Protein backbone atom coordinates (compact mmCIF):
# COMPACT_ATOMS: atom_id res chain seq x y z
CA UNK A 1 14.82 -10.71 -5.16
CA UNK A 2 17.22 -9.26 -1.98
CA UNK A 3 18.03 -10.97 1.02
CA UNK A 4 18.21 -8.60 4.21
CA UNK A 5 18.63 -10.01 7.55
CA UNK A 6 16.90 -8.93 10.96
CA UNK A 7 18.74 -6.74 12.89
CA UNK A 8 16.46 -6.04 15.62
CA UNK A 9 13.17 -5.88 16.06
CA UNK A 10 11.13 -4.29 19.18
CA UNK A 11 7.54 -3.91 20.20
CA UNK A 12 6.40 -0.22 19.75
CA UNK A 13 2.87 -0.45 20.61
CA UNK A 14 0.46 -3.38 22.07
CA UNK A 15 0.04 -4.56 18.22
CA UNK A 16 3.31 -2.81 16.60
CA UNK A 17 6.71 -4.77 15.88
CA UNK A 18 8.88 -2.64 14.40
CA UNK A 19 12.18 -4.32 12.31
CA UNK A 20 15.44 -3.05 11.43
CA UNK A 21 17.08 -4.71 8.13
CA UNK A 22 20.37 -4.65 6.92
CA UNK A 23 22.10 -6.07 4.02
CA UNK A 24 22.33 -4.58 0.62
CA UNK A 25 20.57 -1.83 0.86
CA UNK A 26 20.18 1.57 -1.35
CA UNK A 27 18.62 4.92 -1.66
CA UNK A 28 14.92 5.26 -2.17
CA UNK A 29 12.12 8.38 -2.11
CA UNK A 30 10.46 8.93 0.83
CA UNK A 31 7.02 7.51 1.28
CA UNK A 32 8.59 4.13 -0.63
CA UNK A 33 7.84 0.81 0.95
CA UNK A 34 9.44 -2.76 0.69
CA UNK A 35 8.00 -6.05 -0.50
CA UNK A 36 8.65 -8.80 1.89
CA UNK A 37 8.26 -12.63 1.27
CA UNK A 38 6.34 -13.49 4.58
CA UNK A 39 6.34 -17.60 4.34
CA UNK A 40 3.83 -19.26 1.90
CA UNK A 41 -0.13 -19.17 2.02
CA UNK A 42 -2.56 -21.90 2.90
CA UNK A 43 -2.40 -23.31 -0.76
CA UNK A 44 1.77 -23.09 -0.44
CA UNK A 45 2.32 -19.92 -2.76
CA UNK A 46 4.70 -17.25 -1.73
CA UNK A 47 3.12 -14.47 0.45
CA UNK A 48 4.13 -11.03 -0.28
CA UNK A 49 3.47 -8.16 1.53
CA UNK A 50 4.33 -4.68 1.24
CA UNK A 51 5.57 -2.42 3.91
CA UNK A 52 6.39 1.52 4.47
CA UNK A 53 9.65 2.07 5.12
CA UNK A 54 10.02 4.94 7.73
CA UNK A 55 13.31 6.42 7.23
CA UNK A 56 14.14 9.56 4.83
CA UNK A 57 15.55 7.72 2.39
CA UNK A 58 18.44 9.35 1.91
CA UNK A 59 21.99 6.40 1.88
CA UNK A 60 20.50 4.26 4.54
CA UNK A 61 22.20 2.29 6.87
CA UNK A 62 19.49 0.19 7.62
CA UNK A 63 15.45 -0.52 6.64
CA UNK A 64 13.19 0.10 9.42
CA UNK A 65 9.36 -1.08 9.10
CA UNK A 66 6.44 -1.25 11.48
CA UNK A 67 4.12 -3.86 11.27
CA UNK A 68 0.76 -3.92 12.99
CA UNK A 69 -0.46 -7.36 14.21
CA UNK A 70 -2.91 -9.21 11.76
CA UNK A 71 -3.26 -12.72 10.05
CA UNK A 72 -1.17 -14.27 7.71
CA UNK A 73 1.79 -12.15 6.64
CA UNK A 74 2.28 -9.93 9.09
CA UNK A 75 1.58 -12.50 12.08
CA UNK A 76 4.73 -14.12 10.35
CA UNK A 77 6.74 -10.96 10.29
CA UNK A 78 6.11 -10.45 14.13
CA UNK A 79 7.62 -13.90 14.76
CA UNK A 80 10.82 -12.79 12.98
CA UNK A 81 13.37 -12.91 15.33
CA UNK A 82 17.42 -11.11 14.88
CA UNK A 83 19.20 -13.09 12.66
CA UNK A 84 16.57 -14.31 10.78
CA UNK A 85 17.15 -14.00 6.66
CA UNK A 86 13.97 -12.57 4.67
CA UNK A 87 13.24 -12.29 1.01
CA UNK A 88 12.52 -8.92 -0.36
CA UNK A 89 11.92 -6.73 -3.39
CA UNK A 90 11.73 -2.86 -4.00
CA UNK A 91 12.08 -0.01 -2.75
CA UNK A 92 9.38 0.84 -4.79
CA UNK A 93 7.28 4.26 -4.55
CA UNK A 94 4.09 5.57 -5.59
CA UNK A 95 3.94 8.08 -2.53
CA UNK A 96 6.28 10.54 -3.32
CA UNK A 97 6.74 13.83 -1.82
CA UNK A 98 6.28 16.81 -4.51
CA UNK A 99 9.61 18.72 -4.10
CA UNK A 100 7.74 21.85 -5.39
CA UNK A 101 5.17 22.11 -3.07
CA UNK A 102 4.89 24.74 -0.51
CA UNK A 103 4.16 23.13 2.33
CA UNK A 104 3.14 19.53 3.04
CA UNK A 105 0.01 18.71 4.88
CA UNK A 106 0.78 14.71 6.07
CA UNK A 107 -2.51 13.49 7.57
CA UNK A 108 -2.25 9.46 8.69
CA UNK A 109 -4.70 7.03 11.06
CA UNK A 110 -3.58 4.12 12.45
CA UNK A 111 -0.68 2.10 11.12
CA UNK A 112 -1.40 5.00 8.01
CA UNK A 113 1.54 6.70 9.81
CA UNK A 114 4.37 4.68 8.65
CA UNK A 115 5.13 6.18 5.14
CA UNK A 116 3.98 9.56 6.56
CA UNK A 117 6.72 8.89 8.97
CA UNK A 118 9.48 8.62 6.03
CA UNK A 119 7.87 12.05 4.89
CA UNK A 120 8.18 13.78 8.15
CA UNK A 121 11.95 12.37 8.23
CA UNK A 122 12.57 13.63 4.80
CA UNK A 123 11.33 17.07 5.06
CA UNK A 124 13.30 17.61 8.08
CA UNK A 125 16.29 16.66 6.54
CA UNK A 126 15.46 18.40 3.49
CA UNK A 127 14.25 21.82 6.02
CA UNK A 128 10.74 21.50 4.02
CA UNK A 129 7.58 22.93 5.36
CA UNK A 130 5.26 20.16 6.90
CA UNK A 131 2.30 19.92 9.39
CA UNK A 132 1.27 16.43 10.53
CA UNK A 133 -2.09 14.72 12.10
CA UNK A 134 -2.27 11.75 12.97
CA UNK A 135 -5.50 9.79 14.40
CA UNK A 136 -3.80 6.88 16.83
CA UNK A 137 -5.29 4.96 19.59
CA UNK A 138 -2.13 3.04 20.65
CA UNK A 139 0.67 5.85 20.31
CA UNK A 140 2.69 4.17 17.97
CA UNK A 141 5.76 6.35 16.38
CA UNK A 142 4.08 9.16 19.09
CA UNK A 143 7.89 9.89 20.00
CA UNK A 144 8.79 9.99 16.04
CA UNK A 145 6.66 13.06 15.47
CA UNK A 146 7.41 16.00 17.35
CA UNK A 147 4.99 18.62 16.83
CA UNK A 148 2.95 16.48 15.53
CA UNK A 149 -1.11 16.81 16.45
CA UNK A 150 -2.13 13.09 17.47
CA UNK A 151 -5.60 12.80 18.74
CA UNK A 152 -7.34 9.40 19.68
CA UNK A 153 -10.53 9.81 18.19
CA UNK A 154 -12.06 10.69 14.54
CA UNK A 155 -13.81 13.63 15.74
CA UNK A 156 -11.24 15.07 17.72
CA UNK A 157 -9.15 14.94 14.85
CA UNK A 158 -11.37 16.75 12.51
CA UNK A 159 -11.42 19.26 15.18
CA UNK A 160 -8.26 20.40 14.46
CA UNK A 161 -7.87 20.37 10.86
CA UNK A 162 -9.16 22.86 8.76
CA UNK A 163 -8.75 21.94 4.99
CA UNK A 164 -9.73 25.25 3.89
CA UNK A 165 -7.26 27.22 5.77
CA UNK A 166 -4.26 25.95 4.07
CA UNK A 167 -1.17 28.02 2.73
CA UNK A 168 -0.95 28.36 -1.44
CA UNK A 169 0.49 25.72 -2.98
CA UNK A 170 -0.29 22.95 0.15
CA UNK A 171 -0.15 19.35 -0.86
CA UNK A 172 -1.77 16.68 1.04
CA UNK A 173 -0.61 13.08 1.56
CA UNK A 174 -3.31 10.56 3.48
CA UNK A 175 -2.73 7.33 4.49
CA UNK A 176 -4.67 4.72 6.90
CA UNK A 177 -7.98 3.11 7.13
CA UNK A 178 -9.85 3.02 3.88
CA UNK A 179 -13.06 4.82 5.28
CA UNK A 180 -10.77 7.23 7.03
CA UNK A 181 -9.38 8.01 3.46
CA UNK A 182 -12.40 8.07 1.53
CA UNK A 183 -13.57 10.66 4.16
CA UNK A 184 -10.58 13.06 3.90
CA UNK A 185 -10.26 13.09 0.33
CA UNK A 186 -13.69 13.38 -0.01
CA UNK A 187 -13.73 16.18 2.23
CA UNK A 188 -11.00 17.89 0.25
CA UNK A 189 -13.13 17.69 -2.81
CA UNK A 190 -15.97 19.24 -1.46
CA UNK A 191 -13.69 22.39 -0.42
CA UNK A 192 -11.88 22.70 -3.60
CA UNK A 193 -8.70 20.99 -3.51
CA UNK A 194 -7.31 19.86 -6.82
CA UNK A 195 -6.75 16.06 -7.54
CA UNK A 196 -3.30 16.48 -8.48
CA UNK A 197 -2.75 18.10 -4.93
CA UNK A 198 -3.89 15.01 -2.99
CA UNK A 199 -1.88 12.03 -2.92
CA UNK A 200 -2.73 8.41 -1.10
CA UNK A 201 -0.98 5.54 -0.45
CA UNK A 202 -3.35 2.56 0.02
CA UNK A 203 -2.96 -0.78 1.98
CA UNK A 204 -4.66 -3.11 -0.38
CA UNK A 205 -8.35 -4.26 -1.19
CA UNK A 206 -10.36 -7.73 -0.25
CA UNK A 207 -10.64 -9.88 -3.40
CA UNK A 208 -14.57 -9.01 -3.57
CA UNK A 209 -17.46 -12.08 -4.57
CA UNK A 210 -19.49 -11.48 -7.50
CA UNK A 211 -21.30 -13.49 -10.14
CA UNK A 212 -19.53 -16.07 -11.99
CA UNK A 213 -17.96 -15.38 -15.22
CA UNK A 214 -15.87 -17.09 -18.03
CA UNK A 215 -12.13 -16.47 -18.94
CA UNK A 216 -11.04 -16.84 -22.70
CA UNK A 217 -7.62 -17.14 -22.91
CA UNK A 218 -6.82 -16.48 -26.83
CA UNK A 219 -3.17 -17.72 -26.89
CA UNK A 220 -3.51 -20.74 -25.62
CA UNK A 221 -7.45 -21.41 -26.82
CA UNK A 222 -8.31 -22.35 -22.93
CA UNK A 223 -11.84 -21.58 -21.56
CA UNK A 224 -11.66 -20.85 -17.86
CA UNK A 225 -14.82 -20.63 -15.62
CA UNK A 226 -14.30 -18.28 -12.73
CA UNK A 227 -16.85 -19.07 -9.53
CA UNK A 228 -18.73 -16.46 -7.43
CA UNK A 229 -16.21 -17.21 -4.53
CA UNK A 230 -12.77 -17.50 -6.60
CA UNK A 231 -10.71 -14.92 -7.93
CA UNK A 232 -9.82 -14.79 -11.62
CA UNK A 233 -6.03 -15.20 -10.68
CA UNK A 234 -6.44 -18.26 -8.63
CA UNK A 235 -9.18 -19.77 -11.43
CA UNK A 236 -6.02 -18.49 -13.74
CA UNK A 237 -3.32 -20.31 -11.52
CA UNK A 238 -5.46 -24.01 -11.20
CA UNK A 239 -5.91 -23.73 -14.98
CA UNK A 240 -2.07 -23.89 -15.31
CA UNK A 241 -1.81 -20.43 -16.71
CA UNK A 242 1.32 -18.52 -15.37
CA UNK A 243 0.61 -15.23 -14.30
CA UNK A 244 2.96 -13.14 -12.40
CA UNK A 245 2.04 -11.84 -9.12
CA UNK A 246 3.02 -10.34 -5.92
CA UNK A 247 0.56 -8.68 -3.66
CA UNK A 248 -2.79 -10.06 -4.57
CA UNK A 249 -4.17 -6.99 -3.15
CA UNK A 250 -4.74 -4.94 -6.21
CA UNK A 251 -2.08 -2.81 -5.28
CA UNK A 252 1.50 -3.64 -7.16
CA UNK A 253 0.31 -4.27 -10.73
CA UNK A 254 2.24 -7.45 -11.33
CA UNK A 255 -0.43 -9.36 -12.43
CA UNK A 256 -2.04 -6.63 -14.53
CA UNK A 257 -3.23 -8.97 -17.63
CA UNK A 258 -4.14 -7.17 -20.82
CA UNK A 259 -8.19 -7.75 -22.19
CA UNK A 260 -8.60 -8.32 -25.72
CA UNK A 261 -12.61 -8.17 -25.16
CA UNK A 262 -15.32 -8.03 -22.61
CA UNK A 263 -16.55 -5.76 -19.68
CA UNK A 264 -13.95 -5.90 -16.72
CA UNK A 265 -15.22 -5.02 -13.36
CA UNK A 266 -12.30 -2.91 -11.66
CA UNK A 267 -11.84 -3.45 -7.59
CA UNK A 268 -7.59 -2.67 -7.67
CA UNK A 269 -5.82 0.60 -6.35
CA UNK A 270 -3.37 0.46 -9.13
CA UNK A 271 -4.82 1.00 -12.73
CA UNK A 272 -5.23 4.63 -13.88
CA UNK A 273 -8.49 5.42 -15.53
CA UNK A 274 -7.14 5.52 -19.21
CA UNK A 275 -5.99 1.65 -18.36
CA UNK A 276 -9.02 -0.02 -17.11
CA UNK A 277 -11.00 -0.51 -20.53
CA UNK A 278 -8.30 -2.79 -21.68
CA UNK A 279 -6.36 -4.08 -18.48
CA UNK A 280 -7.21 -6.26 -15.70
CA UNK A 281 -5.70 -7.12 -11.92
CA UNK A 282 -6.98 -10.59 -11.50
CA UNK A 283 -5.88 -10.70 -8.30
CA UNK A 284 -8.74 -9.02 -6.75
CA UNK A 285 -11.30 -7.69 -10.17
CA UNK A 286 -13.80 -9.23 -11.70
CA UNK A 287 -15.29 -9.24 -15.12
CA UNK A 288 -19.53 -9.74 -16.48
CA UNK A 289 -20.22 -12.43 -18.58
CA UNK A 290 -17.06 -13.06 -20.71
CA UNK A 291 -13.65 -11.70 -20.80
CA UNK A 292 -10.96 -12.43 -23.41
CA UNK A 293 -7.46 -12.38 -22.48
CA UNK A 294 -4.04 -11.74 -23.94
CA UNK A 295 -2.81 -15.62 -22.03
């Protein structure tokens, strides 16, 4: 964990605040995010949110994040002022540019522009071929995207983006609201984009309600009942089981737990397909009937 100091803040759109953080910094891969401890939640537990770093990542003199106002952690961040100190972890990356790509097609909607901006700045610094399309209603970071195609609606966005007319060796990078990302990636698949050339950055997923189920903790011999509106992670913590966690949104992988028997119902955005039969992210995922955990 690293403590950083807020050096400056400014409102760059009606609901988006940019923060500059200073302290013990290190270089990072473009597209990386920083975990920020945003106070505590309603149960008094530390609340961690992940925010994309918008710089090019090379020997930074400061970190910058841009946060859209919402509830919980983002509202806490909007109330920060210069001189405040925050606990952070990272940077970490799951959305890095592919250096062998001949062209980078960078696509974003809304606050999804933040990791894309990091890619844009790195591409400029390293003179990589890049093209930017952004659906934005508030104009956040428009001044930082010279040459980008910025549109105000999804329909206008699609009139200007032809996924079939891209240079050989292009890689596609997408970030934004889940429906937007699903539409872009689905259209890319329909016109034959290889999976390995489509890259996405997710903000997280909400815990999913479902049928009650039972978790058996084989190392301790305890049985934990998980109610319909309760997450497995909450039930485990209430029962006294120690499970590391951070984002609680199915993104970071901190809470991944081995499954020894049973049928997990996955709702995370972290686990690769080959790990899904034997792992579970208890912050958002559930199970059918009885699941046995290595806890």
